C-alpha atoms as a PDB file:
ATOM      1  CA  MET A   1       3.278   7.545 -27.685  1.00  0.00           C
ATOM      2  CA  THR A   2       0.880   4.912 -26.235  1.00  0.00           C
ATOM      3  CA  TYR A   3      -2.715   5.149 -25.307  1.00  0.00           C
ATOM      4  CA  ALA A   4      -4.391   3.059 -22.709  1.00  0.00           C
ATOM      5  CA  ILE A   5      -7.440   0.863 -24.362  1.00  0.00           C
ATOM      6  CA  VAL A   6      -9.109   0.451 -20.870  1.00  0.00           C
ATOM      7  CA  ARG A   7      -9.130   2.980 -18.305  1.00  0.00           C
ATOM      8  CA  PRO A   8      -7.608   1.482 -15.171  1.00  0.00           C
ATOM      9  CA  VAL A   9      -9.814   0.443 -12.263  1.00  0.00           C
ATOM     10  CA  ARG A  10      -9.556   2.774  -9.277  1.00  0.00           C
ATOM     11  CA  LEU A  11     -11.653   3.187  -6.162  1.00  0.00           C
ATOM     12  CA  ASP A  12     -12.781   6.591  -4.774  1.00  0.00           C
ATOM     13  CA  LEU A  13     -11.926   7.440  -1.157  1.00  0.00           C
ATOM     14  CA  GLU A  14     -15.499   5.916  -0.065  1.00  0.00           C
ATOM     15  CA  SER A  15     -15.058   2.807  -1.906  1.00  0.00           C
ATOM     16  CA  PHE A  16     -11.745   2.112  -0.630  1.00  0.00           C
ATOM     17  CA  ALA A  17     -12.721   2.859   2.956  1.00  0.00           C
ATOM     18  CA  ARG A  18     -15.503   0.136   2.484  1.00  0.00           C
ATOM     19  CA  ALA A  19     -13.092  -2.183   0.914  1.00  0.00           C
ATOM     20  CA  THR A  20     -10.436  -1.920   3.767  1.00  0.00           C
ATOM     21  CA  GLY A  21     -12.512  -1.336   6.639  1.00  0.00           C
ATOM     22  CA  LEU A  22     -10.684   1.888   7.536  1.00  0.00           C
ATOM     23  CA  HIS A  23     -12.410   5.204   8.292  1.00  0.00           C
ATOM     24  CA  PRO A  24     -11.790   7.896   5.558  1.00  0.00           C
ATOM     25  CA  GLN A  25      -9.659   9.832   8.006  1.00  0.00           C
ATOM     26  CA  THR A  26      -7.639   7.084   8.718  1.00  0.00           C
ATOM     27  CA  ILE A  27      -6.555   6.670   4.945  1.00  0.00           C
ATOM     28  CA  SER A  28      -5.956  10.184   4.526  1.00  0.00           C
ATOM     29  CA  ARG A  29      -3.499   9.870   7.592  1.00  0.00           C
ATOM     30  CA  LEU A  30      -1.866   6.992   6.007  1.00  0.00           C
ATOM     31  CA  VAL A  31      -1.522   8.850   2.552  1.00  0.00           C
ATOM     32  CA  ALA A  32      -0.017  11.761   4.529  1.00  0.00           C
ATOM     33  CA  LEU A  33       2.529   9.362   6.083  1.00  0.00           C
ATOM     34  CA  GLY A  34       3.249   7.923   2.631  1.00  0.00           C
ATOM     35  CA  LEU A  35       2.172   4.415   3.543  1.00  0.00           C
ATOM     36  CA  LEU A  36      -0.795   4.442   0.715  1.00  0.00           C
ATOM     37  CA  GLU A  37      -0.034   5.862  -2.468  1.00  0.00           C
ATOM     38  CA  PRO A  38      -3.174   6.989  -4.309  1.00  0.00           C
ATOM     39  CA  VAL A  39      -3.491   8.900  -7.553  1.00  0.00           C
ATOM     40  CA  ARG A  40      -5.771  12.107  -8.002  1.00  0.00           C
ATOM     41  CA  ASP A  41      -8.443  12.015 -10.614  1.00  0.00           C
ATOM     42  CA  ALA A  42      -9.569  15.059 -12.885  1.00  0.00           C
ATOM     43  CA  GLY A  43     -11.150  16.547 -10.043  1.00  0.00           C
ATOM     44  CA  GLY A  44      -8.335  16.295  -7.438  1.00  0.00           C
ATOM     45  CA  ARG A  45     -10.108  13.404  -5.516  1.00  0.00           C
ATOM     46  CA  LEU A  46      -8.042  10.745  -4.286  1.00  0.00           C
ATOM     47  CA  CYS A  47      -8.520   7.244  -6.109  1.00  0.00           C
ATOM     48  CA  PHE A  48      -6.418   4.155  -5.117  1.00  0.00           C
ATOM     49  CA  PRO A  49      -5.743   1.421  -7.341  1.00  0.00           C
ATOM     50  CA  PRO A  50      -6.888  -2.180  -6.135  1.00  0.00           C
ATOM     51  CA  SER A  51      -3.488  -3.461  -4.887  1.00  0.00           C
ATOM     52  CA  GLN A  52      -3.784  -0.547  -2.424  1.00  0.00           C
ATOM     53  CA  VAL A  53      -6.473  -2.806  -0.756  1.00  0.00           C
ATOM     54  CA  ALA A  54      -3.852  -5.341   0.001  1.00  0.00           C
ATOM     55  CA  GLU A  55      -1.285  -2.758   1.377  1.00  0.00           C
ATOM     56  CA  ALA A  56      -3.785  -1.268   3.686  1.00  0.00           C
ATOM     57  CA  ALA A  57      -4.519  -4.633   4.933  1.00  0.00           C
ATOM     58  CA  ARG A  58      -0.811  -5.263   5.651  1.00  0.00           C
ATOM     59  CA  ILE A  59      -0.635  -1.886   7.368  1.00  0.00           C
ATOM     60  CA  GLN A  60      -3.727  -2.907   9.544  1.00  0.00           C
ATOM     61  CA  ARG A  61      -2.224  -6.389  10.402  1.00  0.00           C
ATOM     62  CA  LEU A  62       1.107  -4.775  11.348  1.00  0.00           C
ATOM     63  CA  HIS A  63      -0.393  -2.058  13.361  1.00  0.00           C
ATOM     64  CA  GLU A  64      -2.746  -4.515  15.495  1.00  0.00           C
ATOM     65  CA  GLY A  65      -0.319  -7.166  15.553  1.00  0.00           C
ATOM     66  CA  LEU A  66       2.811  -5.364  16.580  1.00  0.00           C
ATOM     67  CA  THR A  67       0.805  -2.634  18.417  1.00  0.00           C
ATOM     68  CA  ILE A  68       2.833   0.255  17.077  1.00  0.00           C
ATOM     69  CA  ASN A  69       1.687   3.332  15.706  1.00  0.00           C
ATOM     70  CA  TYR A  70       0.870   4.231  12.033  1.00  0.00           C
ATOM     71  CA  ALA A  71       3.994   6.435  11.846  1.00  0.00           C
ATOM     72  CA  ALA A  72       6.488   3.542  12.836  1.00  0.00           C
ATOM     73  CA  ILE A  73       4.724   1.080  10.419  1.00  0.00           C
ATOM     74  CA  GLY A  74       6.450   2.921   7.548  1.00  0.00           C
ATOM     75  CA  LEU A  75      10.055   1.796   8.647  1.00  0.00           C
ATOM     76  CA  VAL A  76       8.710  -1.674   9.474  1.00  0.00           C
ATOM     77  CA  ILE A  77       7.385  -2.050   6.252  1.00  0.00           C
ATOM     78  CA  ASP A  78      10.765  -0.767   4.565  1.00  0.00           C
ATOM     79  CA  LEU A  79      12.551  -3.370   6.602  1.00  0.00           C
ATOM     80  CA  LEU A  80      10.518  -6.483   5.809  1.00  0.00           C
ATOM     81  CA  ASP A  81      10.544  -5.561   2.152  1.00  0.00           C
ATOM     82  CA  ARG A  82      14.265  -5.177   2.293  1.00  0.00           C
ATOM     83  CA  ILE A  83      14.457  -8.672   4.316  1.00  0.00           C
ATOM     84  CA  GLY A  84      12.363 -10.042   1.411  1.00  0.00           C
ATOM     85  CA  GLU A  85      14.835  -8.593  -1.073  1.00  0.00           C
ATOM     86  CA  LEU A  86      17.769 -10.009   0.752  1.00  0.00           C
ATOM     87  CA  GLU A  87      16.062 -13.657   1.065  1.00  0.00           C
ATOM     88  CA  ALA A  88      15.137 -13.510  -2.703  1.00  0.00           C
ATOM     89  CA  ALA A  89      18.938 -12.780  -3.382  1.00  0.00           C
ATOM     90  CA  LEU A  90      19.920 -15.432  -1.337  1.00  0.00           C
ATOM     91  CA  ARG A  91      17.735 -17.921  -2.869  1.00  0.00           C
ATOM     92  CA  GLN A  92      18.793 -17.249  -6.188  1.00  0.00           C
ATOM     93  CA  ARG A  93      22.446 -17.044  -5.272  1.00  0.00           C
ATOM     94  CA  SER A  94      22.079 -20.645  -3.821  1.00  0.00           C
ATOM     95  CA  ARG A  95      20.488 -21.968  -7.226  1.00  0.00           C
ATOM     96  CA  ARG A  96      23.521 -20.742  -9.053  1.00  0.00           C
ATOM     97  CA  HIS A  97      25.592 -22.682  -6.828  1.00  0.00           C
END
């Protein structure tokens, strides 16, 4: 069994909203769509790891740049991640040959 020596940094919904510039209702929608992955604190409130700020920025860029709705962004993110994995595998394969 291991124990955390330091409590992980988490942002509550209001702090996350300020950090991302998103309205709390929009954040709740992104959570419902599975685009953001918060954790719940002991009181059941949403808390976000700092890494989710960058993910929220990525979602905003896609939403504004491609003018697609939030529901479709999940598919776009999955495709972009898969492309990144394939490119990394291709680079690794080229280095071996």
